[in-house]
């Protein structure tokens, strides 16, 4: 069975508030940033959800997240195929998901996510 995309993330270098307003105005997305990390959780009204927030590395980028059973195993697989690990697996505060990221051979960032609530 193929792995599917479950989340997208738009990270901006400086002004997340402008990005929240832009995407809400253009697409009608509902964006809730009322959380300790001030991360805008996006409800697209259907399909996959996402997030819009401030980039920790100061660079604008967009990432999509693919659901996997074992993020480390998938990082190993990606590296064997020519990718590069950018962030090893880590649990997101709140304990609901574990994420990791890698770049493909062209340098695009891809996220991996494991739902820790699923047994």
PDB file of N, CA and C in Angstrom:
ATOM      1  N   UNK A   1       0.826  -1.172   0.000  1.00  0.00           N
ATOM      2  CA  UNK A   1       0.000   0.000   0.000  1.00  0.00           C
ATOM      3  C   UNK A   1       0.882   1.251   0.000  1.00  0.00           C
ATOM      4  N   UNK A   2       0.517   2.234  -0.783  1.00  0.00           N
ATOM      5  CA  UNK A   2       1.281   3.478  -0.874  1.00  0.00           C
ATOM      6  C   UNK A   2       1.042   4.349   0.360  1.00  0.00           C
ATOM      7  N   UNK A   3       2.040   5.135   0.707  1.00  0.00           N
ATOM      8  CA  UNK A   3       1.897   6.105   1.793  1.00  0.00           C
ATOM      9  C   UNK A   3       1.200   7.348   1.241  1.00  0.00           C
ATOM     10  N   UNK A   4       0.364   7.996   2.049  1.00  0.00           N
ATOM     11  CA  UNK A   4      -0.380   9.147   1.555  1.00  0.00           C
ATOM     12  C   UNK A   4       0.011  10.433   2.282  1.00  0.00           C
ATOM     13  N   UNK A   5      -0.221  11.551   1.601  1.00  0.00           N
ATOM     14  CA  UNK A   5       0.052  12.866   2.163  1.00  0.00           C
ATOM     15  C   UNK A   5      -1.039  13.190   3.178  1.00  0.00           C
ATOM     16  N   UNK A   6      -0.633  13.606   4.387  1.00  0.00           N
ATOM     17  CA  UNK A   6      -1.601  13.878   5.451  1.00  0.00           C
ATOM     18  C   UNK A   6      -1.578  15.310   5.964  1.00  0.00           C
ATOM     19  N   UNK A   7      -0.569  16.092   5.593  1.00  0.00           N
ATOM     20  CA  UNK A   7      -0.422  17.431   6.176  1.00  0.00           C
ATOM     21  C   UNK A   7       0.485  18.243   5.261  1.00  0.00           C
ATOM     22  N   UNK A   8       0.240  19.531   5.181  1.00  0.00           N
ATOM     23  CA  UNK A   8       1.172  20.431   4.506  1.00  0.00           C
ATOM     24  C   UNK A   8       1.577  21.521   5.486  1.00  0.00           C
ATOM     25  N   UNK A   9       2.696  22.152   5.197  1.00  0.00           N
ATOM     26  CA  UNK A   9       3.193  23.191   6.081  1.00  0.00           C
ATOM     27  C   UNK A   9       3.795  24.307   5.234  1.00  0.00           C
ATOM     28  N   UNK A  10       3.387  25.533   5.521  1.00  0.00           N
ATOM     29  CA  UNK A  10       3.949  26.708   4.872  1.00  0.00           C
ATOM     30  C   UNK A  10       4.657  27.495   5.963  1.00  0.00           C
ATOM     31  N   UNK A  11       5.968  27.611   5.844  1.00  0.00           N
ATOM     32  CA  UNK A  11       6.748  28.334   6.851  1.00  0.00           C
ATOM     33  C   UNK A  11       7.320  29.600   6.224  1.00  0.00           C
ATOM     34  N   UNK A  12       7.180  30.696   6.945  1.00  0.00           N
ATOM     35  CA  UNK A  12       7.617  31.991   6.441  1.00  0.00           C
ATOM     36  C   UNK A  12       8.702  32.556   7.346  1.00  0.00           C
ATOM     37  N   UNK A  13       9.603  33.318   6.750  1.00  0.00           N
ATOM     38  CA  UNK A  13      10.756  33.828   7.475  1.00  0.00           C
ATOM     39  C   UNK A  13      10.374  34.881   8.517  1.00  0.00           C
ATOM     40  N   UNK A  14       9.462  35.774   8.176  1.00  0.00           N
ATOM     41  CA  UNK A  14       9.244  36.916   9.056  1.00  0.00           C
ATOM     42  C   UNK A  14       7.835  37.080   9.591  1.00  0.00           C
ATOM     43  N   UNK A  15       6.829  37.030   8.743  1.00  0.00           N
ATOM     44  CA  UNK A  15       5.519  37.514   9.117  1.00  0.00           C
ATOM     45  C   UNK A  15       4.428  36.463   8.915  1.00  0.00           C
ATOM     46  N   UNK A  16       4.254  35.591   9.897  1.00  0.00           N
ATOM     47  CA  UNK A  16       3.238  34.543   9.804  1.00  0.00           C
ATOM     48  C   UNK A  16       1.838  35.143   9.751  1.00  0.00           C
ATOM     49  N   UNK A  17       1.608  36.261  10.437  1.00  0.00           N
ATOM     50  CA  UNK A  17       0.277  36.875  10.450  1.00  0.00           C
ATOM     51  C   UNK A  17      -0.177  37.282   9.045  1.00  0.00           C
ATOM     52  N   UNK A  18       0.744  37.814   8.251  1.00  0.00           N
ATOM     53  CA  UNK A  18       0.415  38.173   6.869  1.00  0.00           C
ATOM     54  C   UNK A  18       0.084  36.921   6.070  1.00  0.00           C
ATOM     55  N   UNK A  19       0.831  35.851   6.286  1.00  0.00           N
ATOM     56  CA  UNK A  19       0.554  34.592   5.577  1.00  0.00           C
ATOM     57  C   UNK A  19      -0.807  34.039   5.980  1.00  0.00           C
ATOM     58  N   UNK A  20      -1.125  34.080   7.280  1.00  0.00           N
ATOM     59  CA  UNK A  20      -2.440  33.584   7.718  1.00  0.00           C
ATOM     60  C   UNK A  20      -3.552  34.341   7.004  1.00  0.00           C
ATOM     61  N   UNK A  21      -3.445  35.669   6.974  1.00  0.00           N
ATOM     62  CA  UNK A  21      -4.468  36.498   6.340  1.00  0.00           C
ATOM     63  C   UNK A  21      -4.540  36.212   4.842  1.00  0.00           C
ATOM     64  N   UNK A  22      -3.394  36.115   4.191  1.00  0.00           N
ATOM     65  CA  UNK A  22      -3.356  35.861   2.750  1.00  0.00           C
ATOM     66  C   UNK A  22      -4.097  34.577   2.392  1.00  0.00           C
ATOM     67  N   UNK A  23      -3.732  33.472   3.045  1.00  0.00           N
ATOM     68  CA  UNK A  23      -4.335  32.182   2.699  1.00  0.00           C
ATOM     69  C   UNK A  23      -5.809  32.102   3.109  1.00  0.00           C
ATOM     70  N   UNK A  24      -6.167  32.772   4.195  1.00  0.00           N
ATOM     71  CA  UNK A  24      -7.579  32.824   4.588  1.00  0.00           C
ATOM     72  C   UNK A  24      -8.381  33.617   3.555  1.00  0.00           C
ATOM     73  N   UNK A  25      -7.831  34.759   3.119  1.00  0.00           N
ATOM     74  CA  UNK A  25      -8.527  35.598   2.140  1.00  0.00           C
ATOM     75  C   UNK A  25      -8.620  34.931   0.769  1.00  0.00           C
ATOM     76  N   UNK A  26      -7.534  34.320   0.322  1.00  0.00           N
ATOM     77  CA  UNK A  26      -7.497  33.740  -1.021  1.00  0.00           C
ATOM     78  C   UNK A  26      -8.307  32.449  -1.105  1.00  0.00           C
ATOM     79  N   UNK A  27      -8.126  31.543  -0.149  1.00  0.00           N
ATOM     80  CA  UNK A  27      -8.744  30.215  -0.239  1.00  0.00           C
ATOM     81  C   UNK A  27      -9.913  29.999   0.715  1.00  0.00           C
ATOM     82  N   UNK A  28     -10.139  30.938   1.634  1.00  0.00           N
ATOM     83  CA  UNK A  28     -11.212  30.758   2.602  1.00  0.00           C
ATOM     84  C   UNK A  28     -10.875  29.768   3.704  1.00  0.00           C
ATOM     85  N   UNK A  29      -9.595  29.506   3.904  1.00  0.00           N
ATOM     86  CA  UNK A  29      -9.173  28.580   4.946  1.00  0.00           C
ATOM     87  C   UNK A  29      -9.402  29.184   6.322  1.00  0.00           C
ATOM     88  N   UNK A  30      -9.777  28.338   7.270  1.00  0.00           N
ATOM     89  CA  UNK A  30      -9.870  28.753   8.672  1.00  0.00           C
ATOM     90  C   UNK A  30      -8.523  28.436   9.313  1.00  0.00           C
ATOM     91  N   UNK A  31      -7.923  29.427   9.945  1.00  0.00           N
ATOM     92  CA  UNK A  31      -6.585  29.262  10.525  1.00  0.00           C
ATOM     93  C   UNK A  31      -6.639  29.639  11.998  1.00  0.00           C
ATOM     94  N   UNK A  32      -6.312  28.668  12.854  1.00  0.00           N
ATOM     95  CA  UNK A  32      -6.343  28.863  14.298  1.00  0.00           C
ATOM     96  C   UNK A  32      -4.910  28.822  14.825  1.00  0.00           C
ATOM     97  N   UNK A  33      -4.441  29.961  15.306  1.00  0.00           N
ATOM     98  CA  UNK A  33      -3.076  30.040  15.846  1.00  0.00           C
ATOM     99  C   UNK A  33      -3.088  30.254  17.355  1.00  0.00           C
ATOM    100  N   UNK A  34      -4.194  29.903  17.994  1.00  0.00           N
ATOM    101  CA  UNK A  34      -4.337  30.051  19.439  1.00  0.00           C
ATOM    102  C   UNK A  34      -3.745  28.827  20.147  1.00  0.00           C
ATOM    103  N   UNK A  35      -2.417  28.762  20.179  1.00  0.00           N
ATOM    104  CA  UNK A  35      -1.704  27.668  20.837  1.00  0.00           C
ATOM    105  C   UNK A  35      -0.352  28.201  21.304  1.00  0.00           C
ATOM    106  N   UNK A  36       0.305  27.502  22.210  1.00  0.00           N
ATOM    107  CA  UNK A  36       1.567  28.016  22.772  1.00  0.00           C
ATOM    108  C   UNK A  36       2.663  28.280  21.744  1.00  0.00           C
ATOM    109  N   UNK A  37       2.638  27.570  20.618  1.00  0.00           N
ATOM    110  CA  UNK A  37       3.683  27.757  19.608  1.00  0.00           C
ATOM    111  C   UNK A  37       3.297  28.830  18.577  1.00  0.00           C
ATOM    112  N   UNK A  38       2.071  29.403  18.685  1.00  0.00           N
ATOM    113  CA  UNK A  38       1.581  30.399  17.737  1.00  0.00           C
ATOM    114  C   UNK A  38       1.673  29.872  16.300  1.00  0.00           C
ATOM    115  N   UNK A  39       1.344  28.599  16.154  1.00  0.00           N
ATOM    116  CA  UNK A  39       1.396  27.901  14.870  1.00  0.00           C
ATOM    117  C   UNK A  39      -0.021  27.853  14.316  1.00  0.00           C
ATOM    118  N   UNK A  40      -0.208  28.339  13.105  1.00  0.00           N
ATOM    119  CA  UNK A  40      -1.535  28.397  12.513  1.00  0.00           C
ATOM    120  C   UNK A  40      -1.982  27.059  11.969  1.00  0.00           C
ATOM    121  N   UNK A  41      -2.889  26.399  12.670  1.00  0.00           N
ATOM    122  CA  UNK A  41      -3.451  25.136  12.195  1.00  0.00           C
ATOM    123  C   UNK A  41      -4.521  25.457  11.167  1.00  0.00           C
ATOM    124  N   UNK A  42      -4.401  24.848   9.988  1.00  0.00           N
ATOM    125  CA  UNK A  42      -5.244  25.185   8.850  1.00  0.00           C
ATOM    126  C   UNK A  42      -6.326  24.134   8.646  1.00  0.00           C
ATOM    127  N   UNK A  43      -7.567  24.610   8.589  1.00  0.00           N
ATOM    128  CA  UNK A  43      -8.705  23.781   8.207  1.00  0.00           C
ATOM    129  C   UNK A  43      -9.090  24.225   6.803  1.00  0.00           C
ATOM    130  N   UNK A  44      -8.846  23.368   5.825  1.00  0.00           N
ATOM    131  CA  UNK A  44      -9.115  23.721   4.433  1.00  0.00           C
ATOM    132  C   UNK A  44     -10.571  23.498   4.050  1.00  0.00           C
ATOM    133  N   UNK A  45     -11.353  22.926   4.954  1.00  0.00           N
ATOM    134  CA  UNK A  45     -12.750  22.654   4.658  1.00  0.00           C
ATOM    135  C   UNK A  45     -12.961  21.350   3.918  1.00  0.00           C
ATOM    136  N   UNK A  46     -11.916  20.589   3.730  1.00  0.00           N
ATOM    137  CA  UNK A  46     -11.971  19.299   3.047  1.00  0.00           C
ATOM    138  C   UNK A  46     -10.567  18.919   2.621  1.00  0.00           C
ATOM    139  N   UNK A  47     -10.342  17.671   2.360  1.00  0.00           N
ATOM    140  CA  UNK A  47      -8.998  17.227   2.001  1.00  0.00           C
ATOM    141  C   UNK A  47      -8.072  17.269   3.197  1.00  0.00           C
ATOM    142  N   UNK A  48      -6.788  17.449   2.945  1.00  0.00           N
ATOM    143  CA  UNK A  48      -5.823  17.454   4.038  1.00  0.00           C
ATOM    144  C   UNK A  48      -5.760  18.818   4.702  1.00  0.00           C
ATOM    145  N   UNK A  49      -5.409  18.825   5.967  1.00  0.00           N
ATOM    146  CA  UNK A  49      -5.185  20.053   6.702  1.00  0.00           C
ATOM    147  C   UNK A  49      -3.709  20.410   6.666  1.00  0.00           C
ATOM    148  N   UNK A  50      -3.383  21.510   7.303  1.00  0.00           N
ATOM    149  CA  UNK A  50      -1.995  21.921   7.290  1.00  0.00           C
ATOM    150  C   UNK A  50      -1.676  22.887   8.400  1.00  0.00           C
ATOM    151  N   UNK A  51      -0.560  23.559   8.226  1.00  0.00           N
ATOM    152  CA  UNK A  51      -0.114  24.526   9.199  1.00  0.00           C
ATOM    153  C   UNK A  51       0.656  25.649   8.539  1.00  0.00           C
ATOM    154  N   UNK A  52       0.563  26.830   9.127  1.00  0.00           N
ATOM    155  CA  UNK A  52       1.318  27.988   8.657  1.00  0.00           C
ATOM    156  C   UNK A  52       1.972  28.613   9.879  1.00  0.00           C
ATOM    157  N   UNK A  53       3.286  28.769   9.814  1.00  0.00           N
ATOM    158  CA  UNK A  53       3.994  29.320  10.958  1.00  0.00           C
ATOM    159  C   UNK A  53       5.294  29.984  10.576  1.00  0.00           C
ATOM    160  N   UNK A  54       5.997  30.424  11.579  1.00  0.00           N
ATOM    161  CA  UNK A  54       7.286  31.083  11.387  1.00  0.00           C
ATOM    162  C   UNK A  54       8.381  30.030  11.213  1.00  0.00           C
ATOM    163  N   UNK A  55       9.217  30.218  10.219  1.00  0.00           N
ATOM    164  CA  UNK A  55      10.319  29.296   9.949  1.00  0.00           C
ATOM    165  C   UNK A  55      11.412  29.458  10.992  1.00  0.00           C
ATOM    166  N   UNK A  56      11.810  28.362  11.613  1.00  0.00           N
ATOM    167  CA  UNK A  56      12.872  28.405  12.626  1.00  0.00           C
ATOM    168  C   UNK A  56      14.224  28.741  12.010  1.00  0.00           C
ATOM    169  N   UNK A  57      14.422  28.325  10.749  1.00  0.00           N
ATOM    170  CA  UNK A  57      15.710  28.561  10.097  1.00  0.00           C
ATOM    171  C   UNK A  57      15.756  29.890   9.343  1.00  0.00           C
ATOM    172  N   UNK A  58      14.657  30.670   9.403  1.00  0.00           N
ATOM    173  CA  UNK A  58      14.634  31.975   8.758  1.00  0.00           C
ATOM    174  C   UNK A  58      14.456  31.937   7.254  1.00  0.00           C
ATOM    175  N   UNK A  59      14.100  30.774   6.692  1.00  0.00           N
ATOM    176  CA  UNK A  59      13.919  30.644   5.247  1.00  0.00           C
ATOM    177  C   UNK A  59      12.486  30.224   4.944  1.00  0.00           C
ATOM    178  N   UNK A  60      11.889  30.868   3.954  1.00  0.00           N
ATOM    179  CA  UNK A  60      10.561  30.466   3.509  1.00  0.00           C
ATOM    180  C   UNK A  60      10.640  29.092   2.856  1.00  0.00           C
ATOM    181  N   UNK A  61       9.697  28.217   3.186  1.00  0.00           N
ATOM    182  CA  UNK A  61       9.607  26.949   2.471  1.00  0.00           C
ATOM    183  C   UNK A  61       8.266  26.279   2.733  1.00  0.00           C
ATOM    184  N   UNK A  62       7.916  25.395   1.837  1.00  0.00           N
ATOM    185  CA  UNK A  62       6.683  24.629   1.935  1.00  0.00           C
ATOM    186  C   UNK A  62       7.049  23.159   1.947  1.00  0.00           C
ATOM    187  N   UNK A  63       6.426  22.420   2.825  1.00  0.00           N
ATOM    188  CA  UNK A  63       6.701  20.990   2.984  1.00  0.00           C
ATOM    189  C   UNK A  63       5.384  20.241   3.008  1.00  0.00           C
ATOM    190  N   UNK A  64       5.364  19.074   2.393  1.00  0.00           N
ATOM    191  CA  UNK A  64       4.213  18.195   2.594  1.00  0.00           C
ATOM    192  C   UNK A  64       4.684  17.003   3.411  1.00  0.00           C
ATOM    193  N   UNK A  65       3.777  16.473   4.231  1.00  0.00           N
ATOM    194  CA  UNK A  65       4.095  15.368   5.129  1.00  0.00           C
ATOM    195  C   UNK A  65       3.392  14.102   4.675  1.00  0.00           C
ATOM    196  N   UNK A  66       4.144  13.016   4.630  1.00  0.00           N
ATOM    197  CA  UNK A  66       3.638  11.712   4.220  1.00  0.00           C
ATOM    198  C   UNK A  66       3.549  10.834   5.465  1.00  0.00           C
ATOM    199  N   UNK A  67       2.410  10.178   5.654  1.00  0.00           N
ATOM    200  CA  UNK A  67       2.240   9.303   6.812  1.00  0.00           C
ATOM    201  C   UNK A  67       2.997   7.997   6.607  1.00  0.00           C
ATOM    202  N   UNK A  68       3.778   7.611   7.610  1.00  0.00           N
ATOM    203  CA  UNK A  68       4.562   6.380   7.567  1.00  0.00           C
ATOM    204  C   UNK A  68       4.462   5.667   8.912  1.00  0.00           C
ATOM    205  N   UNK A  69       4.745   4.371   8.909  1.00  0.00           N
ATOM    206  CA  UNK A  69       4.741   3.598  10.154  1.00  0.00           C
ATOM    207  C   UNK A  69       6.025   3.783  10.952  1.00  0.00           C
ATOM    208  N   UNK A  70       7.143   4.014  10.240  1.00  0.00           N
ATOM    209  CA  UNK A  70       8.449   4.079  10.892  1.00  0.00           C
ATOM    210  C   UNK A  70       9.282   5.182  10.239  1.00  0.00           C
ATOM    211  N   UNK A  71       9.274   6.384  10.820  1.00  0.00           N
ATOM    212  CA  UNK A  71      10.019   7.484  10.204  1.00  0.00           C
ATOM    213  C   UNK A  71      11.505   7.186   9.976  1.00  0.00           C
ATOM    214  N   UNK A  72      12.177   6.537  10.924  1.00  0.00           N
ATOM    215  CA  UNK A  72      13.600   6.265  10.749  1.00  0.00           C
ATOM    216  C   UNK A  72      13.836   5.308   9.590  1.00  0.00           C
ATOM    217  N   UNK A  73      13.020   4.286   9.473  1.00  0.00           N
ATOM    218  CA  UNK A  73      13.166   3.345   8.356  1.00  0.00           C
ATOM    219  C   UNK A  73      12.965   4.057   7.021  1.00  0.00           C
ATOM    220  N   UNK A  74      12.018   4.995   6.979  1.00  0.00           N
ATOM    221  CA  UNK A  74      11.779   5.729   5.735  1.00  0.00           C
ATOM    222  C   UNK A  74      12.921   6.688   5.437  1.00  0.00           C
ATOM    223  N   UNK A  75      13.516   7.317   6.475  1.00  0.00           N
ATOM    224  CA  UNK A  75      14.698   8.149   6.256  1.00  0.00           C
ATOM    225  C   UNK A  75      15.833   7.320   5.673  1.00  0.00           C
ATOM    226  N   UNK A  76      16.033   6.126   6.220  1.00  0.00           N
ATOM    227  CA  UNK A  76      17.077   5.231   5.708  1.00  0.00           C
ATOM    228  C   UNK A  76      16.818   4.890   4.240  1.00  0.00           C
ATOM    229  N   UNK A  77      15.575   4.622   3.921  1.00  0.00           N
ATOM    230  CA  UNK A  77      15.187   4.288   2.537  1.00  0.00           C
ATOM    231  C   UNK A  77      15.434   5.486   1.611  1.00  0.00           C
ATOM    232  N   UNK A  78      15.072   6.685   2.074  1.00  0.00           N
ATOM    233  CA  UNK A  78      15.274   7.893   1.273  1.00  0.00           C
ATOM    234  C   UNK A  78      16.763   8.150   1.033  1.00  0.00           C
ATOM    235  N   UNK A  79      17.576   7.946   2.069  1.00  0.00           N
ATOM    236  CA  UNK A  79      19.019   8.158   1.902  1.00  0.00           C
ATOM    237  C   UNK A  79      19.616   7.170   0.905  1.00  0.00           C
ATOM    238  N   UNK A  80      19.168   5.930   0.933  1.00  0.00           N
ATOM    239  CA  UNK A  80      19.655   4.933  -0.032  1.00  0.00           C
ATOM    240  C   UNK A  80      19.292   5.313  -1.456  1.00  0.00           C
ATOM    241  N   UNK A  81      18.191   6.069  -1.607  1.00  0.00           N
ATOM    242  CA  UNK A  81      17.734   6.485  -2.931  1.00  0.00           C
ATOM    243  C   UNK A  81      18.316   7.835  -3.359  1.00  0.00           C
ATOM    244  N   UNK A  82      19.170   8.436  -2.517  1.00  0.00           N
ATOM    245  CA  UNK A  82      19.818   9.693  -2.883  1.00  0.00           C
ATOM    246  C   UNK A  82      19.345  10.905  -2.103  1.00  0.00           C
ATOM    247  N   UNK A  83      18.465  10.707  -1.122  1.00  0.00           N
ATOM    248  CA  UNK A  83      17.996  11.811  -0.286  1.00  0.00           C
ATOM    249  C   UNK A  83      18.956  12.083   0.858  1.00  0.00           C
ATOM    250  N   UNK A  84      18.645  13.103   1.655  1.00  0.00           N
ATOM    251  CA  UNK A  84      19.491  13.482   2.787  1.00  0.00           C
ATOM    252  C   UNK A  84      18.596  13.815   3.976  1.00  0.00           C
ATOM    253  N   UNK A  85      18.882  13.222   5.133  1.00  0.00           N
ATOM    254  CA  UNK A  85      18.127  13.528   6.345  1.00  0.00           C
ATOM    255  C   UNK A  85      18.374  14.975   6.754  1.00  0.00           C
ATOM    256  N   UNK A  86      17.292  15.700   6.995  1.00  0.00           N
ATOM    257  CA  UNK A  86      17.390  17.078   7.481  1.00  0.00           C
ATOM    258  C   UNK A  86      17.092  17.155   8.972  1.00  0.00           C
ATOM    259  N   UNK A  87      16.089  16.382   9.423  1.00  0.00           N
ATOM    260  CA  UNK A  87      15.731  16.347  10.842  1.00  0.00           C
ATOM    261  C   UNK A  87      15.391  14.905  11.206  1.00  0.00           C
ATOM    262  N   UNK A  88      16.118  14.318  12.151  1.00  0.00           N
ATOM    263  CA  UNK A  88      15.805  12.950  12.563  1.00  0.00           C
ATOM    264  C   UNK A  88      14.448  12.911  13.287  1.00  0.00           C
ATOM    265  N   UNK A  89      13.892  11.730  13.481  1.00  0.00           N
ATOM    266  CA  UNK A  89      12.585  11.631  14.133  1.00  0.00           C
ATOM    267  C   UNK A  89      12.560  12.305  15.502  1.00  0.00           C
ATOM    268  N   UNK A  90      11.475  13.058  15.741  1.00  0.00           N
ATOM    269  CA  UNK A  90      11.255  13.702  17.034  1.00  0.00           C
ATOM    270  C   UNK A  90       9.758  13.741  17.301  1.00  0.00           C
ATOM    271  N   UNK A  91       9.405  13.608  18.567  1.00  0.00           N
ATOM    272  CA  UNK A  91       8.004  13.710  18.958  1.00  0.00           C
ATOM    273  C   UNK A  91       7.632  15.185  19.079  1.00  0.00           C
ATOM    274  N   UNK A  92       6.502  15.544  18.487  1.00  0.00           N
ATOM    275  CA  UNK A  92       5.990  16.909  18.583  1.00  0.00           C
ATOM    276  C   UNK A  92       5.395  17.083  19.979  1.00  0.00           C
ATOM    277  N   UNK A  93       5.620  18.240  20.607  1.00  0.00           N
ATOM    278  CA  UNK A  93       5.035  18.454  21.935  1.00  0.00           C
ATOM    279  C   UNK A  93       3.535  18.143  21.931  1.00  0.00           C
ATOM    280  N   UNK A  94       3.105  17.420  22.926  1.00  0.00           N
ATOM    281  CA  UNK A  94       1.720  16.970  22.999  1.00  0.00           C
ATOM    282  C   UNK A  94       1.616  15.471  22.773  1.00  0.00           C
ATOM    283  N   UNK A  95       2.665  14.879  22.205  1.00  0.00           N
ATOM    284  CA  UNK A  95       2.753  13.430  22.086  1.00  0.00           C
ATOM    285  C   UNK A  95       1.828  12.741  21.105  1.00  0.00           C
ATOM    286  N   UNK A  96       1.274  13.486  20.137  1.00  0.00           N
ATOM    287  CA  UNK A  96       0.342  12.853  19.206  1.00  0.00           C
ATOM    288  C   UNK A  96       1.008  12.366  17.923  1.00  0.00           C
ATOM    289  N   UNK A  97       2.117  13.024  17.516  1.00  0.00           N
ATOM    290  CA  UNK A  97       2.798  12.626  16.286  1.00  0.00           C
ATOM    291  C   UNK A  97       4.308  12.680  16.465  1.00  0.00           C
ATOM    292  N   UNK A  98       4.982  11.887  15.654  1.00  0.00           N
ATOM    293  CA  UNK A  98       6.444  11.913  15.524  1.00  0.00           C
ATOM    294  C   UNK A  98       6.723  12.350  14.091  1.00  0.00           C
ATOM    295  N   UNK A  99       7.634  13.304  13.926  1.00  0.00           N
ATOM    296  CA  UNK A  99       7.940  13.797  12.593  1.00  0.00           C
ATOM    297  C   UNK A  99       9.432  13.690  12.303  1.00  0.00           C
ATOM    298  N   UNK A 100       9.761  13.740  11.029  1.00  0.00           N
ATOM    299  CA  UNK A 100      11.138  13.780  10.547  1.00  0.00           C
ATOM    300  C   UNK A 100      11.089  14.436   9.173  1.00  0.00           C
ATOM    301  N   UNK A 101      12.222  14.948   8.699  1.00  0.00           N
ATOM    302  CA  UNK A 101      12.262  15.510   7.351  1.00  0.00           C
ATOM    303  C   UNK A 101      13.533  15.078   6.629  1.00  0.00           C
ATOM    304  N   UNK A 102      13.427  15.058   5.312  1.00  0.00           N
ATOM    305  CA  UNK A 102      14.575  14.789   4.461  1.00  0.00           C
ATOM    306  C   UNK A 102      14.454  15.634   3.205  1.00  0.00           C
ATOM    307  N   UNK A 103      15.548  15.739   2.463  1.00  0.00           N
ATOM    308  CA  UNK A 103      15.486  16.409   1.167  1.00  0.00           C
ATOM    309  C   UNK A 103      15.621  15.351   0.090  1.00  0.00           C
ATOM    310  N   UNK A 104      14.918  15.579  -1.012  1.00  0.00           N
ATOM    311  CA  UNK A 104      15.074  14.695  -2.161  1.00  0.00           C
ATOM    312  C   UNK A 104      16.355  15.095  -2.893  1.00  0.00           C
ATOM    313  N   UNK A 105      16.764  14.364  -3.948  1.00  0.00           N
ATOM    314  CA  UNK A 105      18.017  14.710  -4.622  1.00  0.00           C
ATOM    315  C   UNK A 105      18.057  16.128  -5.192  1.00  0.00           C
ATOM    316  N   UNK A 106      16.886  16.743  -5.445  1.00  0.00           N
ATOM    317  CA  UNK A 106      16.848  18.110  -5.969  1.00  0.00           C
ATOM    318  C   UNK A 106      16.836  19.161  -4.861  1.00  0.00           C
ATOM    319  N   UNK A 107      16.791  18.726  -3.589  1.00  0.00           N
ATOM    320  CA  UNK A 107      16.818  19.651  -2.468  1.00  0.00           C
ATOM    321  C   UNK A 107      15.460  20.024  -1.906  1.00  0.00           C
ATOM    322  N   UNK A 108      14.373  19.435  -2.420  1.00  0.00           N
ATOM    323  CA  UNK A 108      13.039  19.704  -1.882  1.00  0.00           C
ATOM    324  C   UNK A 108      12.866  19.012  -0.541  1.00  0.00           C
ATOM    325  N   UNK A 109      12.270  19.728   0.422  1.00  0.00           N
ATOM    326  CA  UNK A 109      12.059  19.156   1.754  1.00  0.00           C
ATOM    327  C   UNK A 109      10.764  18.354   1.795  1.00  0.00           C
ATOM    328  N   UNK A 110      10.855  17.128   2.299  1.00  0.00           N
ATOM    329  CA  UNK A 110       9.712  16.230   2.447  1.00  0.00           C
ATOM    330  C   UNK A 110       9.609  15.866   3.922  1.00  0.00           C
ATOM    331  N   UNK A 111       8.398  15.910   4.461  1.00  0.00           N
ATOM    332  CA  UNK A 111       8.187  15.543   5.847  1.00  0.00           C
ATOM    333  C   UNK A 111       7.602  14.151   5.971  1.00  0.00           C
ATOM    334  N   UNK A 112       7.904  13.525   7.074  1.00  0.00           N
ATOM    335  CA  UNK A 112       7.344  12.219   7.429  1.00  0.00           C
ATOM    336  C   UNK A 112       6.617  12.385   8.737  1.00  0.00           C
ATOM    337  N   UNK A 113       5.490  11.707   8.884  1.00  0.00           N
ATOM    338  CA  UNK A 113       4.737  11.799  10.126  1.00  0.00           C
ATOM    339  C   UNK A 113       4.186  10.427  10.502  1.00  0.00           C
ATOM    340  N   UNK A 114       4.316  10.116  11.774  1.00  0.00           N
ATOM    341  CA  UNK A 114       3.723   8.892  12.331  1.00  0.00           C
ATOM    342  C   UNK A 114       2.707   9.341  13.363  1.00  0.00           C
ATOM    343  N   UNK A 115       1.486   8.867  13.211  1.00  0.00           N
ATOM    344  CA  UNK A 115       0.404   9.166  14.153  1.00  0.00           C
ATOM    345  C   UNK A 115       0.582   8.260  15.368  1.00  0.00           C
ATOM    346  N   UNK A 116       0.965   8.840  16.505  1.00  0.00           N
ATOM    347  CA  UNK A 116       1.223   8.058  17.712  1.00  0.00           C
ATOM    348  C   UNK A 116      -0.057   7.654  18.424  1.00  0.00           C
ATOM    349  N   UNK A 117      -1.191   8.167  17.968  1.00  0.00           N
ATOM    350  CA  UNK A 117      -2.457   7.801  18.586  1.00  0.00           C
ATOM    351  C   UNK A 117      -3.020   6.510  17.996  1.00  0.00           C
ATOM    352  N   UNK A 118      -2.477   6.094  16.851  1.00  0.00           N
ATOM    353  CA  UNK A 118      -2.922   4.847  16.219  1.00  0.00           C
ATOM    354  C   UNK A 118      -2.124   3.686  16.789  1.00  0.00           C
ATOM    355  N   UNK A 119      -2.791   2.641  17.119  1.00  0.00           N
ATOM    356  CA  UNK A 119      -2.108   1.446  17.645  1.00  0.00           C
ATOM    357  C   UNK A 119      -1.827   0.461  16.552  1.00  0.00           C
TER     358      UNK A 119
END
